[in-house]
Amino acid sequence: MSQYRYSSMNSQPRSLFGQIIAFVVGLAVLAASFVLGAFLLAAFFGFILVVGLSVTLWVWWLKREAADAYQDDSVLDAEYTVAEDPDDAESIEHRPN
């Protein structure tokens, strides 16, 4: 019974051909892992770049609009009367412009 104790997946191939095939398959899996990892890393950095650029442009746009709002040269001309008593608001004389 001791010969069935170990799984056949844990043992190394005994023949030279089996060892070469195992090496080639392992190398292919390793190369595919590196390629997939590089692709995912590039996609992640691209996503971060696009989000960062979008936020930068959005903040620039808001700052530009705020600066334009402060440079508005229009003047509001109005007349007003100070009411001493808020209950006496009806007695204030309204003058049309």
PDB file of N, CA and C in Angstrom:
ATOM      1  N   MET A   1       0.797  -1.199   0.000  1.00  0.00           N
ATOM      2  CA  MET A   1       0.000   0.000   0.000  1.00  0.00           C
ATOM      3  C   MET A   1       0.844   1.269   0.000  1.00  0.00           C
ATOM      4  N   SER A   2       2.092   1.192   0.363  1.00  0.00           N
ATOM      5  CA  SER A   2       2.927   2.384   0.447  1.00  0.00           C
ATOM      6  C   SER A   2       3.177   2.995  -0.922  1.00  0.00           C
ATOM      7  N   GLN A   3       3.017   2.232  -1.981  1.00  0.00           N
ATOM      8  CA  GLN A   3       3.257   2.787  -3.313  1.00  0.00           C
ATOM      9  C   GLN A   3       2.134   3.717  -3.753  1.00  0.00           C
ATOM     10  N   TYR A   4       0.954   3.682  -3.119  1.00  0.00           N
ATOM     11  CA  TYR A   4      -0.170   4.537  -3.477  1.00  0.00           C
ATOM     12  C   TYR A   4      -0.313   5.728  -2.523  1.00  0.00           C
ATOM     13  N   ARG A   5       0.615   5.912  -1.632  1.00  0.00           N
ATOM     14  CA  ARG A   5       0.505   6.965  -0.631  1.00  0.00           C
ATOM     15  C   ARG A   5       0.688   8.359  -1.263  1.00  0.00           C
ATOM     16  N   TYR A   6       1.530   8.506  -2.226  1.00  0.00           N
ATOM     17  CA  TYR A   6       1.831   9.801  -2.823  1.00  0.00           C
ATOM     18  C   TYR A   6       1.065   9.976  -4.125  1.00  0.00           C
ATOM     19  N   SER A   7       0.672  11.211  -4.360  1.00  0.00           N
ATOM     20  CA  SER A   7      -0.031  11.537  -5.604  1.00  0.00           C
ATOM     21  C   SER A   7       0.963  11.547  -6.759  1.00  0.00           C
ATOM     22  N   SER A   8       0.488  11.224  -7.922  1.00  0.00           N
ATOM     23  CA  SER A   8       1.368  11.228  -9.086  1.00  0.00           C
ATOM     24  C   SER A   8       1.684  12.655  -9.537  1.00  0.00           C
ATOM     25  N   MET A   9       0.921  13.679  -9.073  1.00  0.00           N
ATOM     26  CA  MET A   9       1.178  15.064  -9.444  1.00  0.00           C
ATOM     27  C   MET A   9       2.406  15.613  -8.722  1.00  0.00           C
ATOM     28  N   ASN A  10       2.770  15.057  -7.601  1.00  0.00           N
ATOM     29  CA  ASN A  10       3.897  15.559  -6.828  1.00  0.00           C
ATOM     30  C   ASN A  10       5.232  14.953  -7.252  1.00  0.00           C
ATOM     31  N   SER A  11       5.184  13.941  -8.038  1.00  0.00           N
ATOM     32  CA  SER A  11       6.441  13.292  -8.428  1.00  0.00           C
ATOM     33  C   SER A  11       6.972  13.913  -9.706  1.00  0.00           C
ATOM     34  N   GLN A  12       8.280  13.934  -9.848  1.00  0.00           N
ATOM     35  CA  GLN A  12       8.908  14.468 -11.057  1.00  0.00           C
ATOM     36  C   GLN A  12       8.883  13.402 -12.144  1.00  0.00           C
ATOM     37  N   PRO A  13       8.833  13.863 -13.397  1.00  0.00           N
ATOM     38  CA  PRO A  13       8.895  12.879 -14.488  1.00  0.00           C
ATOM     39  C   PRO A  13      10.234  12.153 -14.451  1.00  0.00           C
ATOM     40  N   ARG A  14      10.170  10.871 -14.702  1.00  0.00           N
ATOM     41  CA  ARG A  14      11.387  10.065 -14.596  1.00  0.00           C
ATOM     42  C   ARG A  14      12.198  10.057 -15.877  1.00  0.00           C
ATOM     43  N   SER A  15      11.555  10.248 -16.996  1.00  0.00           N
ATOM     44  CA  SER A  15      12.305  10.177 -18.255  1.00  0.00           C
ATOM     45  C   SER A  15      12.818  11.561 -18.645  1.00  0.00           C
ATOM     46  N   LEU A  16      13.815  11.596 -19.463  1.00  0.00           N
ATOM     47  CA  LEU A  16      14.379  12.861 -19.945  1.00  0.00           C
ATOM     48  C   LEU A  16      13.357  13.618 -20.781  1.00  0.00           C
ATOM     49  N   PHE A  17      12.581  12.918 -21.597  1.00  0.00           N
ATOM     50  CA  PHE A  17      11.541  13.542 -22.414  1.00  0.00           C
ATOM     51  C   PHE A  17      10.478  14.193 -21.533  1.00  0.00           C
ATOM     52  N   GLY A  18      10.078  13.509 -20.450  1.00  0.00           N
ATOM     53  CA  GLY A  18       9.087  14.063 -19.528  1.00  0.00           C
ATOM     54  C   GLY A  18       9.608  15.291 -18.808  1.00  0.00           C
ATOM     55  N   GLN A  19      10.894  15.278 -18.458  1.00  0.00           N
ATOM     56  CA  GLN A  19      11.483  16.444 -17.806  1.00  0.00           C
ATOM     57  C   GLN A  19      11.557  17.642 -18.757  1.00  0.00           C
ATOM     58  N   ILE A  20      11.857  17.392 -20.013  1.00  0.00           N
ATOM     59  CA  ILE A  20      11.913  18.471 -21.003  1.00  0.00           C
ATOM     60  C   ILE A  20      10.532  19.062 -21.225  1.00  0.00           C
ATOM     61  N   ILE A  21       9.523  18.207 -21.347  1.00  0.00           N
ATOM     62  CA  ILE A  21       8.139  18.683 -21.528  1.00  0.00           C
ATOM     63  C   ILE A  21       7.701  19.489 -20.301  1.00  0.00           C
ATOM     64  N   ALA A  22       7.993  19.020 -19.096  1.00  0.00           N
ATOM     65  CA  ALA A  22       7.626  19.735 -17.880  1.00  0.00           C
ATOM     66  C   ALA A  22       8.323  21.090 -17.820  1.00  0.00           C
ATOM     67  N   PHE A  23       9.582  21.145 -18.219  1.00  0.00           N
ATOM     68  CA  PHE A  23      10.329  22.398 -18.231  1.00  0.00           C
ATOM     69  C   PHE A  23       9.725  23.381 -19.233  1.00  0.00           C
ATOM     70  N   VAL A  24       9.384  22.900 -20.427  1.00  0.00           N
ATOM     71  CA  VAL A  24       8.819  23.764 -21.465  1.00  0.00           C
ATOM     72  C   VAL A  24       7.442  24.287 -21.033  1.00  0.00           C
ATOM     73  N   VAL A  25       6.619  23.419 -20.470  1.00  0.00           N
ATOM     74  CA  VAL A  25       5.291  23.842 -20.006  1.00  0.00           C
ATOM     75  C   VAL A  25       5.434  24.858 -18.871  1.00  0.00           C
ATOM     76  N   GLY A  26       6.344  24.591 -17.931  1.00  0.00           N
ATOM     77  CA  GLY A  26       6.571  25.533 -16.836  1.00  0.00           C
ATOM     78  C   GLY A  26       7.071  26.878 -17.326  1.00  0.00           C
ATOM     79  N   LEU A  27       7.959  26.857 -18.310  1.00  0.00           N
ATOM     80  CA  LEU A  27       8.480  28.091 -18.889  1.00  0.00           C
ATOM     81  C   LEU A  27       7.375  28.862 -19.610  1.00  0.00           C
ATOM     82  N   ALA A  28       6.492  28.157 -20.305  1.00  0.00           N
ATOM     83  CA  ALA A  28       5.380  28.809 -21.003  1.00  0.00           C
ATOM     84  C   ALA A  28       4.412  29.446 -20.009  1.00  0.00           C
ATOM     85  N   VAL A  29       4.131  28.747 -18.913  1.00  0.00           N
ATOM     86  CA  VAL A  29       3.234  29.300 -17.888  1.00  0.00           C
ATOM     87  C   VAL A  29       3.868  30.538 -17.250  1.00  0.00           C
ATOM     88  N   LEU A  30       5.163  30.467 -16.981  1.00  0.00           N
ATOM     89  CA  LEU A  30       5.876  31.603 -16.403  1.00  0.00           C
ATOM     90  C   LEU A  30       5.870  32.798 -17.361  1.00  0.00           C
ATOM     91  N   ALA A  31       6.109  32.573 -18.628  1.00  0.00           N
ATOM     92  CA  ALA A  31       6.105  33.659 -19.616  1.00  0.00           C
ATOM     93  C   ALA A  31       4.713  34.265 -19.752  1.00  0.00           C
ATOM     94  N   ALA A  32       3.689  33.413 -19.780  1.00  0.00           N
ATOM     95  CA  ALA A  32       2.312  33.914 -19.873  1.00  0.00           C
ATOM     96  C   ALA A  32       1.957  34.738 -18.637  1.00  0.00           C
ATOM     97  N   SER A  33       2.437  34.327 -17.474  1.00  0.00           N
ATOM     98  CA  SER A  33       2.181  35.086 -16.248  1.00  0.00           C
ATOM     99  C   SER A  33       2.840  36.458 -16.304  1.00  0.00           C
ATOM    100  N   PHE A  34       4.060  36.519 -16.799  1.00  0.00           N
ATOM    101  CA  PHE A  34       4.739  37.807 -16.922  1.00  0.00           C
ATOM    102  C   PHE A  34       4.033  38.721 -17.923  1.00  0.00           C
ATOM    103  N   VAL A  35       3.605  38.179 -19.035  1.00  0.00           N
ATOM    104  CA  VAL A  35       2.916  38.982 -20.049  1.00  0.00           C
ATOM    105  C   VAL A  35       1.589  39.492 -19.508  1.00  0.00           C
ATOM    106  N   LEU A  36       0.829  38.633 -18.862  1.00  0.00           N
ATOM    107  CA  LEU A  36      -0.452  39.048 -18.290  1.00  0.00           C
ATOM    108  C   LEU A  36      -0.242  40.086 -17.197  1.00  0.00           C
ATOM    109  N   GLY A  37       0.750  39.887 -16.350  1.00  0.00           N
ATOM    110  CA  GLY A  37       1.047  40.858 -15.298  1.00  0.00           C
ATOM    111  C   GLY A  37       1.451  42.203 -15.863  1.00  0.00           C
ATOM    112  N   ALA A  38       2.282  42.194 -16.902  1.00  0.00           N
ATOM    113  CA  ALA A  38       2.702  43.451 -17.531  1.00  0.00           C
ATOM    114  C   ALA A  38       1.516  44.159 -18.164  1.00  0.00           C
ATOM    115  N   PHE A  39       0.622  43.404 -18.802  1.00  0.00           N
ATOM    116  CA  PHE A  39      -0.565  43.994 -19.409  1.00  0.00           C
ATOM    117  C   PHE A  39      -1.465  44.613 -18.348  1.00  0.00           C
ATOM    118  N   LEU A  40      -1.706  43.906 -17.259  1.00  0.00           N
ATOM    119  CA  LEU A  40      -2.561  44.439 -16.196  1.00  0.00           C
ATOM    120  C   LEU A  40      -1.927  45.660 -15.529  1.00  0.00           C
ATOM    121  N   LEU A  41      -0.615  45.636 -15.343  1.00  0.00           N
ATOM    122  CA  LEU A  41       0.065  46.783 -14.758  1.00  0.00           C
ATOM    123  C   LEU A  41      -0.013  47.995 -15.687  1.00  0.00           C
ATOM    124  N   ALA A  42       0.168  47.783 -16.979  1.00  0.00           N
ATOM    125  CA  ALA A  42       0.056  48.883 -17.943  1.00  0.00           C
ATOM    126  C   ALA A  42      -1.370  49.427 -17.988  1.00  0.00           C
ATOM    127  N   ALA A  43      -2.360  48.552 -17.919  1.00  0.00           N
ATOM    128  CA  ALA A  43      -3.756  48.997 -17.907  1.00  0.00           C
ATOM    129  C   ALA A  43      -4.056  49.799 -16.646  1.00  0.00           C
ATOM    130  N   PHE A  44      -3.538  49.376 -15.519  1.00  0.00           N
ATOM    131  CA  PHE A  44      -3.753  50.092 -14.260  1.00  0.00           C
ATOM    132  C   PHE A  44      -3.115  51.470 -14.317  1.00  0.00           C
ATOM    133  N   PHE A  45      -1.866  51.554 -14.793  1.00  0.00           N
ATOM    134  CA  PHE A  45      -1.199  52.848 -14.902  1.00  0.00           C
ATOM    135  C   PHE A  45      -1.898  53.754 -15.917  1.00  0.00           C
ATOM    136  N   GLY A  46      -2.404  53.184 -16.992  1.00  0.00           N
ATOM    137  CA  GLY A  46      -3.159  53.969 -17.966  1.00  0.00           C
ATOM    138  C   GLY A  46      -4.436  54.521 -17.365  1.00  0.00           C
ATOM    139  N   PHE A  47      -5.132  53.720 -16.572  1.00  0.00           N
ATOM    140  CA  PHE A  47      -6.354  54.161 -15.909  1.00  0.00           C
ATOM    141  C   PHE A  47      -6.053  55.296 -14.935  1.00  0.00           C
ATOM    142  N   ILE A  48      -4.986  55.133 -14.143  1.00  0.00           N
ATOM    143  CA  ILE A  48      -4.600  56.171 -13.188  1.00  0.00           C
ATOM    144  C   ILE A  48      -4.228  57.460 -13.930  1.00  0.00           C
ATOM    145  N   LEU A  49      -3.546  57.330 -15.057  1.00  0.00           N
ATOM    146  CA  LEU A  49      -3.166  58.497 -15.850  1.00  0.00           C
ATOM    147  C   LEU A  49      -4.395  59.225 -16.389  1.00  0.00           C
ATOM    148  N   VAL A  50      -5.356  58.494 -16.904  1.00  0.00           N
ATOM    149  CA  VAL A  50      -6.568  59.107 -17.461  1.00  0.00           C
ATOM    150  C   VAL A  50      -7.378  59.786 -16.357  1.00  0.00           C
ATOM    151  N   VAL A  51      -7.525  59.129 -15.214  1.00  0.00           N
ATOM    152  CA  VAL A  51      -8.274  59.726 -14.105  1.00  0.00           C
ATOM    153  C   VAL A  51      -7.555  60.972 -13.588  1.00  0.00           C
ATOM    154  N   GLY A  52      -6.246  60.890 -13.436  1.00  0.00           N
ATOM    155  CA  GLY A  52      -5.489  62.048 -12.971  1.00  0.00           C
ATOM    156  C   GLY A  52      -5.579  63.220 -13.931  1.00  0.00           C
ATOM    157  N   LEU A  53      -5.483  62.952 -15.221  1.00  0.00           N
ATOM    158  CA  LEU A  53      -5.601  64.008 -16.222  1.00  0.00           C
ATOM    159  C   LEU A  53      -7.004  64.615 -16.215  1.00  0.00           C
ATOM    160  N   SER A  54      -8.018  63.785 -16.063  1.00  0.00           N
ATOM    161  CA  SER A  54      -9.398  64.276 -16.028  1.00  0.00           C
ATOM    162  C   SER A  54      -9.623  65.182 -14.820  1.00  0.00           C
ATOM    163  N   VAL A  55      -9.146  64.774 -13.666  1.00  0.00           N
ATOM    164  CA  VAL A  55      -9.311  65.592 -12.459  1.00  0.00           C
ATOM    165  C   VAL A  55      -8.529  66.895 -12.595  1.00  0.00           C
ATOM    166  N   THR A  56      -7.331  66.831 -13.145  1.00  0.00           N
ATOM    167  CA  THR A  56      -6.529  68.043 -13.339  1.00  0.00           C
ATOM    168  C   THR A  56      -7.235  69.023 -14.269  1.00  0.00           C
ATOM    169  N   LEU A  57      -7.776  68.543 -15.380  1.00  0.00           N
ATOM    170  CA  LEU A  57      -8.496  69.419 -16.303  1.00  0.00           C
ATOM    171  C   LEU A  57      -9.764  69.984 -15.678  1.00  0.00           C
ATOM    172  N   TRP A  58     -10.455  69.187 -14.878  1.00  0.00           N
ATOM    173  CA  TRP A  58     -11.673  69.641 -14.218  1.00  0.00           C
ATOM    174  C   TRP A  58     -11.363  70.760 -13.226  1.00  0.00           C
ATOM    175  N   VAL A  59     -10.309  70.589 -12.431  1.00  0.00           N
ATOM    176  CA  VAL A  59      -9.917  71.622 -11.466  1.00  0.00           C
ATOM    177  C   VAL A  59      -9.466  72.877 -12.209  1.00  0.00           C
ATOM    178  N   TRP A  60      -8.706  72.728 -13.289  1.00  0.00           N
ATOM    179  CA  TRP A  60      -8.289  73.884 -14.082  1.00  0.00           C
ATOM    180  C   TRP A  60      -9.496  74.630 -14.632  1.00  0.00           C
ATOM    181  N   TRP A  61     -10.493  73.895 -15.122  1.00  0.00           N
ATOM    182  CA  TRP A  61     -11.694  74.515 -15.679  1.00  0.00           C
ATOM    183  C   TRP A  61     -12.446  75.285 -14.599  1.00  0.00           C
ATOM    184  N   LEU A  62     -12.578  74.705 -13.407  1.00  0.00           N
ATOM    185  CA  LEU A  62     -13.273  75.407 -12.320  1.00  0.00           C
ATOM    186  C   LEU A  62     -12.515  76.662 -11.895  1.00  0.00           C
ATOM    187  N   LYS A  63     -11.193  76.587 -11.819  1.00  0.00           N
ATOM    188  CA  LYS A  63     -10.400  77.769 -11.462  1.00  0.00           C
ATOM    189  C   LYS A  63     -10.528  78.857 -12.526  1.00  0.00           C
ATOM    190  N   ARG A  64     -10.552  78.455 -13.782  1.00  0.00           N
ATOM    191  CA  ARG A  64     -10.675  79.432 -14.863  1.00  0.00           C
ATOM    192  C   ARG A  64     -12.024  80.134 -14.814  1.00  0.00           C
ATOM    193  N   GLU A  65     -13.092  79.377 -14.562  1.00  0.00           N
ATOM    194  CA  GLU A  65     -14.413  79.989 -14.477  1.00  0.00           C
ATOM    195  C   GLU A  65     -14.534  80.887 -13.252  1.00  0.00           C
ATOM    196  N   ALA A  66     -13.926  80.492 -12.138  1.00  0.00           N
ATOM    197  CA  ALA A  66     -13.961  81.326 -10.942  1.00  0.00           C
ATOM    198  C   ALA A  66     -13.187  82.616 -11.176  1.00  0.00           C
ATOM    199  N   ALA A  67     -12.060  82.549 -11.872  1.00  0.00           N
ATOM    200  CA  ALA A  67     -11.288  83.754 -12.165  1.00  0.00           C
ATOM    201  C   ALA A  67     -12.060  84.673 -13.101  1.00  0.00           C
ATOM    202  N   ASP A  68     -12.783  84.116 -14.054  1.00  0.00           N
ATOM    203  CA  ASP A  68     -13.596  84.929 -14.960  1.00  0.00           C
ATOM    204  C   ASP A  68     -14.737  85.608 -14.214  1.00  0.00           C
ATOM    205  N   ALA A  69     -15.288  84.960 -13.215  1.00  0.00           N
ATOM    206  CA  ALA A  69     -16.387  85.544 -12.448  1.00  0.00           C
ATOM    207  C   ALA A  69     -15.904  86.739 -11.638  1.00  0.00           C
ATOM    208  N   TYR A  70     -14.670  86.698 -11.141  1.00  0.00           N
ATOM    209  CA  TYR A  70     -14.143  87.815 -10.363  1.00  0.00           C
ATOM    210  C   TYR A  70     -13.731  88.984 -11.248  1.00  0.00           C
ATOM    211  N   GLN A  71     -13.501  88.791 -12.507  1.00  0.00           N
ATOM    212  CA  GLN A  71     -13.091  89.850 -13.411  1.00  0.00           C
ATOM    213  C   GLN A  71     -14.281  90.528 -14.081  1.00  0.00           C
ATOM    214  N   ASP A  72     -15.477  90.236 -13.625  1.00  0.00           N
ATOM    215  CA  ASP A  72     -16.674  90.842 -14.188  1.00  0.00           C
ATOM    216  C   ASP A  72     -16.718  92.314 -13.781  1.00  0.00           C
ATOM    217  N   ASP A  73     -16.763  93.222 -14.760  1.00  0.00           N
ATOM    218  CA  ASP A  73     -16.712  94.654 -14.490  1.00  0.00           C
ATOM    219  C   ASP A  73     -18.093  95.295 -14.397  1.00  0.00           C
ATOM    220  N   SER A  74     -19.151  94.531 -14.383  1.00  0.00           N
ATOM    221  CA  SER A  74     -20.480  95.110 -14.314  1.00  0.00           C
ATOM    222  C   SER A  74     -20.725  95.663 -12.909  1.00  0.00           C
ATOM    223  N   VAL A  75     -21.440  96.775 -12.832  1.00  0.00           N
ATOM    224  CA  VAL A  75     -21.706  97.460 -11.570  1.00  0.00           C
ATOM    225  C   VAL A  75     -23.204  97.432 -11.338  1.00  0.00           C
ATOM    226  N   LEU A  76     -23.570  97.123 -10.135  1.00  0.00           N
ATOM    227  CA  LEU A  76     -24.973  97.129  -9.758  1.00  0.00           C
ATOM    228  C   LEU A  76     -25.271  98.475  -9.110  1.00  0.00           C
ATOM    229  N   ASP A  77     -26.134  99.248  -9.756  1.00  0.00           N
ATOM    230  CA  ASP A  77     -26.491 100.570  -9.253  1.00  0.00           C
ATOM    231  C   ASP A  77     -27.897 100.483  -8.687  1.00  0.00           C
ATOM    232  N   ALA A  78     -28.048 100.847  -7.419  1.00  0.00           N
ATOM    233  CA  ALA A  78     -29.361 100.756  -6.789  1.00  0.00           C
ATOM    234  C   ALA A  78     -29.498 101.839  -5.726  1.00  0.00           C
ATOM    235  N   GLU A  79     -30.747 102.129  -5.392  1.00  0.00           N
ATOM    236  CA  GLU A  79     -31.035 103.044  -4.295  1.00  0.00           C
ATOM    237  C   GLU A  79     -31.705 102.236  -3.200  1.00  0.00           C
ATOM    238  N   TYR A  80     -31.427 102.628  -1.990  1.00  0.00           N
ATOM    239  CA  TYR A  80     -32.041 101.918  -0.873  1.00  0.00           C
ATOM    240  C   TYR A  80     -32.342 102.892   0.244  1.00  0.00           C
ATOM    241  N   THR A  81     -33.251 102.462   1.118  1.00  0.00           N
ATOM    242  CA  THR A  81     -33.631 103.235   2.296  1.00  0.00           C
ATOM    243  C   THR A  81     -33.516 102.327   3.496  1.00  0.00           C
ATOM    244  N   VAL A  82     -32.897 102.830   4.563  1.00  0.00           N
ATOM    245  CA  VAL A  82     -32.733 102.056   5.778  1.00  0.00           C
ATOM    246  C   VAL A  82     -33.985 102.238   6.616  1.00  0.00           C
ATOM    247  N   ALA A  83     -34.635 101.123   6.940  1.00  0.00           N
ATOM    248  CA  ALA A  83     -35.834 101.176   7.783  1.00  0.00           C
ATOM    249  C   ALA A  83     -35.405 100.935   9.219  1.00  0.00           C
ATOM    250  N   GLU A  84     -35.772 101.862  10.094  1.00  0.00           N
ATOM    251  CA  GLU A  84     -35.406 101.728  11.500  1.00  0.00           C
ATOM    252  C   GLU A  84     -36.267 100.664  12.177  1.00  0.00           C
ATOM    253  N   ASP A  85     -37.534 100.614  11.861  1.00  0.00           N
ATOM    254  CA  ASP A  85     -38.458  99.683  12.498  1.00  0.00           C
ATOM    255  C   ASP A  85     -38.979  98.709  11.442  1.00  0.00           C
ATOM    256  N   PRO A  86     -38.743  97.385  11.578  1.00  0.00           N
ATOM    257  CA  PRO A  86     -39.223  96.441  10.557  1.00  0.00           C
ATOM    258  C   PRO A  86     -40.732  96.414  10.421  1.00  0.00           C
ATOM    259  N   ASP A  87     -41.472  96.768  11.500  1.00  0.00           N
ATOM    260  CA  ASP A  87     -42.936  96.786  11.402  1.00  0.00           C
ATOM    261  C   ASP A  87     -43.421  97.989  10.616  1.00  0.00           C
ATOM    262  N   ASP A  88     -42.562  98.958  10.456  1.00  0.00           N
ATOM    263  CA  ASP A  88     -42.926 100.190   9.773  1.00  0.00           C
ATOM    264  C   ASP A  88     -42.542 100.130   8.297  1.00  0.00           C
ATOM    265  N   ALA A  89     -42.483  98.947   7.719  1.00  0.00           N
ATOM    266  CA  ALA A  89     -42.044  98.767   6.339  1.00  0.00           C
ATOM    267  C   ALA A  89     -43.026  99.363   5.346  1.00  0.00           C
ATOM    268  N   GLU A  90     -44.318  99.460   5.711  1.00  0.00           N
ATOM    269  CA  GLU A  90     -45.306 100.009   4.782  1.00  0.00           C
ATOM    270  C   GLU A  90     -45.140 101.507   4.622  1.00  0.00           C
ATOM    271  N   SER A  91     -44.546 102.152   5.594  1.00  0.00           N
ATOM    272  CA  SER A  91     -44.437 103.614   5.524  1.00  0.00           C
ATOM    273  C   SER A  91     -43.248 104.055   4.682  1.00  0.00           C
ATOM    274  N   ILE A  92     -42.416 103.109   4.230  1.00  0.00           N
ATOM    275  CA  ILE A  92     -41.271 103.501   3.411  1.00  0.00           C
ATOM    276  C   ILE A  92     -41.763 103.878   2.029  1.00  0.00           C
ATOM    277  N   GLU A  93     -41.277 105.002   1.569  1.00  0.00           N
ATOM    278  CA  GLU A  93     -41.702 105.517   0.270  1.00  0.00           C
ATOM    279  C   GLU A  93     -40.915 104.794  -0.835  1.00  0.00           C
ATOM    280  N   HIS A  94     -41.634 104.151  -1.746  1.00  0.00           N
ATOM    281  CA  HIS A  94     -40.993 103.446  -2.856  1.00  0.00           C
ATOM    282  C   HIS A  94     -40.939 104.372  -4.059  1.00  0.00           C
ATOM    283  N   ARG A  95     -39.740 104.544  -4.600  1.00  0.00           N
ATOM    284  CA  ARG A  95     -39.573 105.394  -5.758  1.00  0.00           C
ATOM    285  C   ARG A  95     -39.204 104.523  -6.961  1.00  0.00           C
ATOM    286  N   PRO A  96     -39.929 104.594  -8.050  1.00  0.00           N
ATOM    287  CA  PRO A  96     -39.550 103.824  -9.248  1.00  0.00           C
ATOM    288  C   PRO A  96     -38.319 104.466  -9.885  1.00  0.00           C
ATOM    289  N   ASN A  97     -37.527 103.619 -10.528  1.00  0.00           N
ATOM    290  CA  ASN A  97     -36.318 104.118 -11.182  1.00  0.00           C
ATOM    291  C   ASN A  97     -36.610 104.784 -12.480  1.00  0.00           C
TER     292      ASN A  97
END
